[in-house]
PDB file of N, CA and C in Angstrom:
ATOM      1  N   MET A   1       0.836  -1.185   0.000  1.00  0.00           N
ATOM      2  CA  MET A   1       0.000   0.000   0.000  1.00  0.00           C
ATOM      3  C   MET A   1       0.881   1.248   0.000  1.00  0.00           C
ATOM      4  N   SER A   2       0.504   2.160  -0.827  1.00  0.00           N
ATOM      5  CA  SER A   2       1.271   3.403  -0.902  1.00  0.00           C
ATOM      6  C   SER A   2       0.940   4.314   0.282  1.00  0.00           C
ATOM      7  N   ILE A   3       1.835   5.234   0.524  1.00  0.00           N
ATOM      8  CA  ILE A   3       1.620   6.206   1.598  1.00  0.00           C
ATOM      9  C   ILE A   3       0.382   7.041   1.299  1.00  0.00           C
ATOM     10  N   ARG A   4       0.198   7.387   0.037  1.00  0.00           N
ATOM     11  CA  ARG A   4      -0.970   8.185  -0.340  1.00  0.00           C
ATOM     12  C   ARG A   4      -2.258   7.441  -0.003  1.00  0.00           C
ATOM     13  N   PHE A   5      -2.309   6.138  -0.285  1.00  0.00           N
ATOM     14  CA  PHE A   5      -3.497   5.342   0.029  1.00  0.00           C
ATOM     15  C   PHE A   5      -3.723   5.251   1.531  1.00  0.00           C
ATOM     16  N   GLN A   6      -2.662   5.092   2.287  1.00  0.00           N
ATOM     17  CA  GLN A   6      -2.794   5.004   3.739  1.00  0.00           C
ATOM     18  C   GLN A   6      -3.328   6.309   4.325  1.00  0.00           C
ATOM     19  N   ILE A   7      -2.809   7.426   3.853  1.00  0.00           N
ATOM     20  CA  ILE A   7      -3.293   8.716   4.340  1.00  0.00           C
ATOM     21  C   ILE A   7      -4.741   8.926   3.910  1.00  0.00           C
ATOM     22  N   ALA A   8      -5.063   8.566   2.676  1.00  0.00           N
ATOM     23  CA  ALA A   8      -6.438   8.714   2.188  1.00  0.00           C
ATOM     24  C   ALA A   8      -7.397   7.856   3.003  1.00  0.00           C
ATOM     25  N   ALA A   9      -6.972   6.671   3.389  1.00  0.00           N
ATOM     26  CA  ALA A   9      -7.824   5.809   4.207  1.00  0.00           C
ATOM     27  C   ALA A   9      -8.070   6.418   5.578  1.00  0.00           C
ATOM     28  N   LEU A  10      -7.075   7.059   6.142  1.00  0.00           N
ATOM     29  CA  LEU A  10      -7.248   7.706   7.442  1.00  0.00           C
ATOM     30  C   LEU A  10      -8.170   8.917   7.366  1.00  0.00           C
ATOM     31  N   VAL A  11      -8.075   9.640   6.279  1.00  0.00           N
ATOM     32  CA  VAL A  11      -8.822  10.887   6.130  1.00  0.00           C
ATOM     33  C   VAL A  11     -10.243  10.632   5.616  1.00  0.00           C
ATOM     34  N   TYR A  12     -10.471   9.469   5.039  1.00  0.00           N
ATOM     35  CA  TYR A  12     -11.746   9.161   4.381  1.00  0.00           C
ATOM     36  C   TYR A  12     -12.941   9.365   5.304  1.00  0.00           C
ATOM     37  N   MET A  13     -12.895   8.830   6.512  1.00  0.00           N
ATOM     38  CA  MET A  13     -14.049   8.916   7.401  1.00  0.00           C
ATOM     39  C   MET A  13     -14.324  10.357   7.847  1.00  0.00           C
ATOM     40  N   MET A  14     -13.288  11.136   8.029  1.00  0.00           N
ATOM     41  CA  MET A  14     -13.491  12.540   8.402  1.00  0.00           C
ATOM     42  C   MET A  14     -14.142  13.318   7.260  1.00  0.00           C
ATOM     43  N   ILE A  15     -13.678  13.081   6.057  1.00  0.00           N
ATOM     44  CA  ILE A  15     -14.255  13.759   4.901  1.00  0.00           C
ATOM     45  C   ILE A  15     -15.688  13.281   4.683  1.00  0.00           C
ATOM     46  N   ASN A  16     -15.918  11.987   4.904  1.00  0.00           N
ATOM     47  CA  ASN A  16     -17.256  11.434   4.777  1.00  0.00           C
ATOM     48  C   ASN A  16     -18.216  12.122   5.749  1.00  0.00           C
ATOM     49  N   ALA A  17     -17.785  12.331   6.977  1.00  0.00           N
ATOM     50  CA  ALA A  17     -18.630  12.989   7.971  1.00  0.00           C
ATOM     51  C   ALA A  17     -18.935  14.430   7.572  1.00  0.00           C
ATOM     52  N   VAL A  18     -17.949  15.127   7.057  1.00  0.00           N
ATOM     53  CA  VAL A  18     -18.160  16.527   6.654  1.00  0.00           C
ATOM     54  C   VAL A  18     -19.114  16.607   5.468  1.00  0.00           C
ATOM     55  N   VAL A  19     -18.913  15.755   4.471  1.00  0.00           N
ATOM     56  CA  VAL A  19     -19.780  15.766   3.289  1.00  0.00           C
ATOM     57  C   VAL A  19     -21.212  15.393   3.696  1.00  0.00           C
ATOM     58  N   PHE A  20     -21.358  14.396   4.579  1.00  0.00           N
ATOM     59  CA  PHE A  20     -22.684  14.024   5.047  1.00  0.00           C
ATOM     60  C   PHE A  20     -23.338  15.180   5.797  1.00  0.00           C
ATOM     61  N   GLY A  21     -22.597  15.841   6.659  1.00  0.00           N
ATOM     62  CA  GLY A  21     -23.142  16.964   7.411  1.00  0.00           C
ATOM     63  C   GLY A  21     -23.594  18.094   6.514  1.00  0.00           C
ATOM     64  N   VAL A  22     -22.782  18.416   5.518  1.00  0.00           N
ATOM     65  CA  VAL A  22     -23.156  19.483   4.579  1.00  0.00           C
ATOM     66  C   VAL A  22     -24.420  19.086   3.817  1.00  0.00           C
ATOM     67  N   GLY A  23     -24.485  17.843   3.383  1.00  0.00           N
ATOM     68  CA  GLY A  23     -25.672  17.377   2.662  1.00  0.00           C
ATOM     69  C   GLY A  23     -26.909  17.361   3.530  1.00  0.00           C
ATOM     70  N   LEU A  24     -26.773  16.914   4.764  1.00  0.00           N
ATOM     71  CA  LEU A  24     -27.919  16.855   5.665  1.00  0.00           C
ATOM     72  C   LEU A  24     -28.420  18.250   6.024  1.00  0.00           C
ATOM     73  N   VAL A  25     -27.505  19.156   6.301  1.00  0.00           N
ATOM     74  CA  VAL A  25     -27.911  20.536   6.602  1.00  0.00           C
ATOM     75  C   VAL A  25     -28.598  21.161   5.391  1.00  0.00           C
ATOM     76  N   THR A  26     -28.095  20.874   4.212  1.00  0.00           N
ATOM     77  CA  THR A  26     -28.714  21.405   2.996  1.00  0.00           C
ATOM     78  C   THR A  26     -30.138  20.880   2.840  1.00  0.00           C
ATOM     79  N   VAL A  27     -30.316  19.578   3.052  1.00  0.00           N
ATOM     80  CA  VAL A  27     -31.649  18.995   2.919  1.00  0.00           C
ATOM     81  C   VAL A  27     -32.595  19.563   3.961  1.00  0.00           C
ATOM     82  N   MET A  28     -32.142  19.706   5.180  1.00  0.00           N
ATOM     83  CA  MET A  28     -33.041  20.142   6.255  1.00  0.00           C
ATOM     84  C   MET A  28     -33.263  21.651   6.277  1.00  0.00           C
ATOM     85  N   THR A  29     -32.411  22.420   5.633  1.00  0.00           N
ATOM     86  CA  THR A  29     -32.543  23.878   5.650  1.00  0.00           C
ATOM     87  C   THR A  29     -33.631  24.367   4.700  1.00  0.00           C
ATOM     88  N   PHE A  30     -33.687  23.818   3.531  1.00  0.00           N
ATOM     89  CA  PHE A  30     -34.647  24.280   2.528  1.00  0.00           C
ATOM     90  C   PHE A  30     -35.964  23.526   2.673  1.00  0.00           C
ATOM     91  N   PRO A  31     -37.046  24.251   2.870  1.00  0.00           N
ATOM     92  CA  PRO A  31     -38.337  23.587   3.072  1.00  0.00           C
ATOM     93  C   PRO A  31     -38.756  22.690   1.900  1.00  0.00           C
ATOM     94  N   SER A  32     -38.403  23.099   0.699  1.00  0.00           N
ATOM     95  CA  SER A  32     -38.766  22.272  -0.458  1.00  0.00           C
ATOM     96  C   SER A  32     -38.037  20.926  -0.434  1.00  0.00           C
ATOM     97  N   LEU A  33     -36.820  20.915   0.078  1.00  0.00           N
ATOM     98  CA  LEU A  33     -36.085  19.652   0.203  1.00  0.00           C
ATOM     99  C   LEU A  33     -36.484  18.895   1.468  1.00  0.00           C
ATOM    100  N   ALA A  34     -36.808  19.624   2.521  1.00  0.00           N
ATOM    101  CA  ALA A  34     -37.174  18.985   3.785  1.00  0.00           C
ATOM    102  C   ALA A  34     -38.458  18.165   3.648  1.00  0.00           C
ATOM    103  N   ARG A  35     -39.343  18.574   2.752  1.00  0.00           N
ATOM    104  CA  ARG A  35     -40.568  17.800   2.519  1.00  0.00           C
ATOM    105  C   ARG A  35     -40.267  16.413   1.976  1.00  0.00           C
ATOM    106  N   HIS A  36     -39.145  16.281   1.289  1.00  0.00           N
ATOM    107  CA  HIS A  36     -38.757  15.000   0.699  1.00  0.00           C
ATOM    108  C   HIS A  36     -37.588  14.369   1.450  1.00  0.00           C
ATOM    109  N   ALA A  37     -37.433  14.726   2.717  1.00  0.00           N
ATOM    110  CA  ALA A  37     -36.281  14.269   3.501  1.00  0.00           C
ATOM    111  C   ALA A  37     -36.239  12.750   3.615  1.00  0.00           C
ATOM    112  N   PHE A  38     -37.397  12.113   3.697  1.00  0.00           N
ATOM    113  CA  PHE A  38     -37.440  10.660   3.819  1.00  0.00           C
ATOM    114  C   PHE A  38     -36.762   9.985   2.629  1.00  0.00           C
ATOM    115  N   ASP A  39     -36.838  10.579   1.467  1.00  0.00           N
ATOM    116  CA  ASP A  39     -36.202  10.035   0.269  1.00  0.00           C
ATOM    117  C   ASP A  39     -34.789  10.578   0.057  1.00  0.00           C
ATOM    118  N   LEU A  40     -34.554  11.809   0.469  1.00  0.00           N
ATOM    119  CA  LEU A  40     -33.273  12.453   0.179  1.00  0.00           C
ATOM    120  C   LEU A  40     -32.157  12.077   1.150  1.00  0.00           C
ATOM    121  N   ILE A  41     -32.485  11.806   2.409  1.00  0.00           N
ATOM    122  CA  ILE A  41     -31.424  11.495   3.375  1.00  0.00           C
ATOM    123  C   ILE A  41     -30.678  10.211   3.004  1.00  0.00           C
ATOM    124  N   PRO A  42     -31.361   9.123   2.581  1.00  0.00           N
ATOM    125  CA  PRO A  42     -30.573   7.966   2.111  1.00  0.00           C
ATOM    126  C   PRO A  42     -29.684   8.299   0.906  1.00  0.00           C
ATOM    127  N   ALA A  43     -30.163   9.190   0.043  1.00  0.00           N
ATOM    128  CA  ALA A  43     -29.343   9.603  -1.100  1.00  0.00           C
ATOM    129  C   ALA A  43     -28.121  10.388  -0.628  1.00  0.00           C
ATOM    130  N   VAL A  44     -28.287  11.198   0.413  1.00  0.00           N
ATOM    131  CA  VAL A  44     -27.159  11.950   0.975  1.00  0.00           C
ATOM    132  C   VAL A  44     -26.139  10.985   1.578  1.00  0.00           C
ATOM    133  N   VAL A  45     -26.611   9.943   2.245  1.00  0.00           N
ATOM    134  CA  VAL A  45     -25.696   8.947   2.825  1.00  0.00           C
ATOM    135  C   VAL A  45     -24.874   8.280   1.739  1.00  0.00           C
ATOM    136  N   VAL A  46     -25.522   7.827   0.694  1.00  0.00           N
ATOM    137  CA  VAL A  46     -24.810   7.156  -0.410  1.00  0.00           C
ATOM    138  C   VAL A  46     -23.861   8.124  -1.100  1.00  0.00           C
ATOM    139  N   ALA A  47     -24.333   9.333  -1.340  1.00  0.00           N
ATOM    140  CA  ALA A  47     -23.487  10.331  -2.006  1.00  0.00           C
ATOM    141  C   ALA A  47     -22.266  10.670  -1.169  1.00  0.00           C
ATOM    142  N   SER A  48     -22.436  10.733   0.151  1.00  0.00           N
ATOM    143  CA  SER A  48     -21.282  11.063   0.998  1.00  0.00           C
ATOM    144  C   SER A  48     -20.243   9.949   0.961  1.00  0.00           C
ATOM    145  N   PHE A  49     -20.675   8.691   0.940  1.00  0.00           N
ATOM    146  CA  PHE A  49     -19.716   7.586   0.835  1.00  0.00           C
ATOM    147  C   PHE A  49     -18.987   7.621  -0.501  1.00  0.00           C
ATOM    148  N   VAL A  50     -19.705   7.928  -1.562  1.00  0.00           N
ATOM    149  CA  VAL A  50     -19.100   7.934  -2.898  1.00  0.00           C
ATOM    150  C   VAL A  50     -18.177   9.133  -3.091  1.00  0.00           C
ATOM    151  N   LEU A  51     -18.612  10.315  -2.670  1.00  0.00           N
ATOM    152  CA  LEU A  51     -17.816  11.528  -2.893  1.00  0.00           C
ATOM    153  C   LEU A  51     -16.602  11.629  -1.972  1.00  0.00           C
ATOM    154  N   ALA A  52     -16.651  10.985  -0.816  1.00  0.00           N
ATOM    155  CA  ALA A  52     -15.547  11.095   0.137  1.00  0.00           C
ATOM    156  C   ALA A  52     -14.279  10.416  -0.386  1.00  0.00           C
ATOM    157  N   ALA A  53     -14.422   9.348  -1.151  1.00  0.00           N
ATOM    158  CA  ALA A  53     -13.240   8.619  -1.633  1.00  0.00           C
ATOM    159  C   ALA A  53     -12.365   9.464  -2.563  1.00  0.00           C
ATOM    160  N   PRO A  54     -12.917  10.056  -3.628  1.00  0.00           N
ATOM    161  CA  PRO A  54     -12.039  10.879  -4.474  1.00  0.00           C
ATOM    162  C   PRO A  54     -11.521  12.133  -3.768  1.00  0.00           C
ATOM    163  N   LEU A  55     -12.340  12.697  -2.873  1.00  0.00           N
ATOM    164  CA  LEU A  55     -11.865  13.865  -2.129  1.00  0.00           C
ATOM    165  C   LEU A  55     -10.696  13.497  -1.225  1.00  0.00           C
ATOM    166  N   ALA A  56     -10.782  12.349  -0.566  1.00  0.00           N
ATOM    167  CA  ALA A  56      -9.674  11.900   0.282  1.00  0.00           C
ATOM    168  C   ALA A  56      -8.429  11.636  -0.560  1.00  0.00           C
ATOM    169  N   TRP A  57      -8.617  11.082  -1.743  1.00  0.00           N
ATOM    170  CA  TRP A  57      -7.488  10.798  -2.629  1.00  0.00           C
ATOM    171  C   TRP A  57      -6.809  12.094  -3.090  1.00  0.00           C
ATOM    172  N   LEU A  58      -7.597  13.147  -3.297  1.00  0.00           N
ATOM    173  CA  LEU A  58      -7.023  14.427  -3.727  1.00  0.00           C
ATOM    174  C   LEU A  58      -6.347  15.170  -2.573  1.00  0.00           C
ATOM    175  N   ILE A  59      -6.854  15.011  -1.373  1.00  0.00           N
ATOM    176  CA  ILE A  59      -6.321  15.723  -0.217  1.00  0.00           C
ATOM    177  C   ILE A  59      -5.070  15.046   0.348  1.00  0.00           C
ATOM    178  N   ALA A  60      -4.966  13.733   0.197  1.00  0.00           N
ATOM    179  CA  ALA A  60      -3.882  12.968   0.825  1.00  0.00           C
ATOM    180  C   ALA A  60      -2.473  13.481   0.506  1.00  0.00           C
ATOM    181  N   PRO A  61      -2.119  13.809  -0.730  1.00  0.00           N
ATOM    182  CA  PRO A  61      -0.748  14.273  -0.975  1.00  0.00           C
ATOM    183  C   PRO A  61      -0.410  15.579  -0.263  1.00  0.00           C
ATOM    184  N   ARG A  62      -1.424  16.404  -0.028  1.00  0.00           N
ATOM    185  CA  ARG A  62      -1.189  17.679   0.643  1.00  0.00           C
ATOM    186  C   ARG A  62      -0.911  17.510   2.130  1.00  0.00           C
ATOM    187  N   LEU A  63      -1.215  16.344   2.666  1.00  0.00           N
ATOM    188  CA  LEU A  63      -0.984  16.092   4.085  1.00  0.00           C
ATOM    189  C   LEU A  63       0.394  15.505   4.368  1.00  0.00           C
ATOM    190  N   ARG A  64       1.125  15.221   3.331  1.00  0.00           N
ATOM    191  CA  ARG A  64       2.477  14.705   3.526  1.00  0.00           C
ATOM    192  C   ARG A  64       3.415  15.842   3.882  1.00  0.00           C
ATOM    193  N   ALA A  65       4.347  15.586   4.745  1.00  0.00           N
ATOM    194  CA  ALA A  65       5.267  16.614   5.222  1.00  0.00           C
ATOM    195  C   ALA A  65       6.152  17.140   4.088  1.00  0.00           C
ATOM    196  N   ARG A  66       6.535  16.267   3.175  1.00  0.00           N
ATOM    197  CA  ARG A  66       7.415  16.702   2.093  1.00  0.00           C
ATOM    198  C   ARG A  66       6.729  17.697   1.172  1.00  0.00           C
ATOM    199  N   TYR A  67       5.420  17.570   0.997  1.00  0.00           N
ATOM    200  CA  TYR A  67       4.692  18.485   0.125  1.00  0.00           C
ATOM    201  C   TYR A  67       4.806  19.919   0.643  1.00  0.00           C
ATOM    202  N   GLY A  68       4.628  20.105   1.937  1.00  0.00           N
ATOM    203  CA  GLY A  68       4.717  21.446   2.516  1.00  0.00           C
ATOM    204  C   GLY A  68       6.118  22.028   2.409  1.00  0.00           C
ATOM    205  N   ARG A  69       7.121  21.183   2.597  1.00  0.00           N
ATOM    206  CA  ARG A  69       8.495  21.669   2.473  1.00  0.00           C
ATOM    207  C   ARG A  69       8.815  22.068   1.051  1.00  0.00           C
ATOM    208  N   ARG A  70       8.333  21.306   0.066  1.00  0.00           N
ATOM    209  CA  ARG A  70       8.595  21.648  -1.323  1.00  0.00           C
ATOM    210  C   ARG A  70       7.943  22.961  -1.701  1.00  0.00           C
ATOM    211  N   GLN A  71       6.718  23.169  -1.232  1.00  0.00           N
ATOM    212  CA  GLN A  71       6.021  24.402  -1.555  1.00  0.00           C
ATOM    213  C   GLN A  71       6.703  25.614  -0.935  1.00  0.00           C
ATOM    214  N   SER A  72       7.157  25.479   0.309  1.00  0.00           N
ATOM    215  CA  SER A  72       7.788  26.622   0.971  1.00  0.00           C
ATOM    216  C   SER A  72       9.170  26.910   0.383  1.00  0.00           C
ATOM    217  N   VAL A  73       9.886  25.884  -0.037  1.00  0.00           N
ATOM    218  CA  VAL A  73      11.201  26.087  -0.661  1.00  0.00           C
ATOM    219  C   VAL A  73      11.018  26.727  -2.025  1.00  0.00           C
ATOM    220  N   ALA A  74      10.008  26.294  -2.772  1.00  0.00           N
ATOM    221  CA  ALA A  74       9.759  26.848  -4.099  1.00  0.00           C
ATOM    222  C   ALA A  74       9.328  28.311  -4.020  1.00  0.00           C
ATOM    223  N   ALA A  75       8.644  28.665  -2.945  1.00  0.00           N
ATOM    224  CA  ALA A  75       8.174  30.045  -2.772  1.00  0.00           C
ATOM    225  C   ALA A  75       9.247  30.945  -2.222  1.00  0.00           C
ATOM    226  N   GLY A  76      10.356  30.358  -1.776  1.00  0.00           N
ATOM    227  CA  GLY A  76      11.454  31.157  -1.237  1.00  0.00           C
ATOM    228  C   GLY A  76      11.288  31.539   0.217  1.00  0.00           C
ATOM    229  N   ARG A  77      10.517  30.771   0.949  1.00  0.00           N
ATOM    230  CA  ARG A  77      10.318  31.077   2.377  1.00  0.00           C
ATOM    231  C   ARG A  77      11.303  30.386   3.247  1.00  0.00           C
TER     232      ARG A  77
END
């Protein structure tokens, strides 16, 4: 397993929780969506599981220590 995959696996559940929370708040905030909450909340759950994986994969390289050092050296800091 690559380091990127390991970091993405660690971050996946946190991103999943954030995406689910944003989706749930969106559904419950708008009255037009809240009327269909019984149907939309399961869709939010599935969408959060699906969307969290690519987001975790994109965020993982930025969490590596070497990435931050390369960016600061390139910027001249």
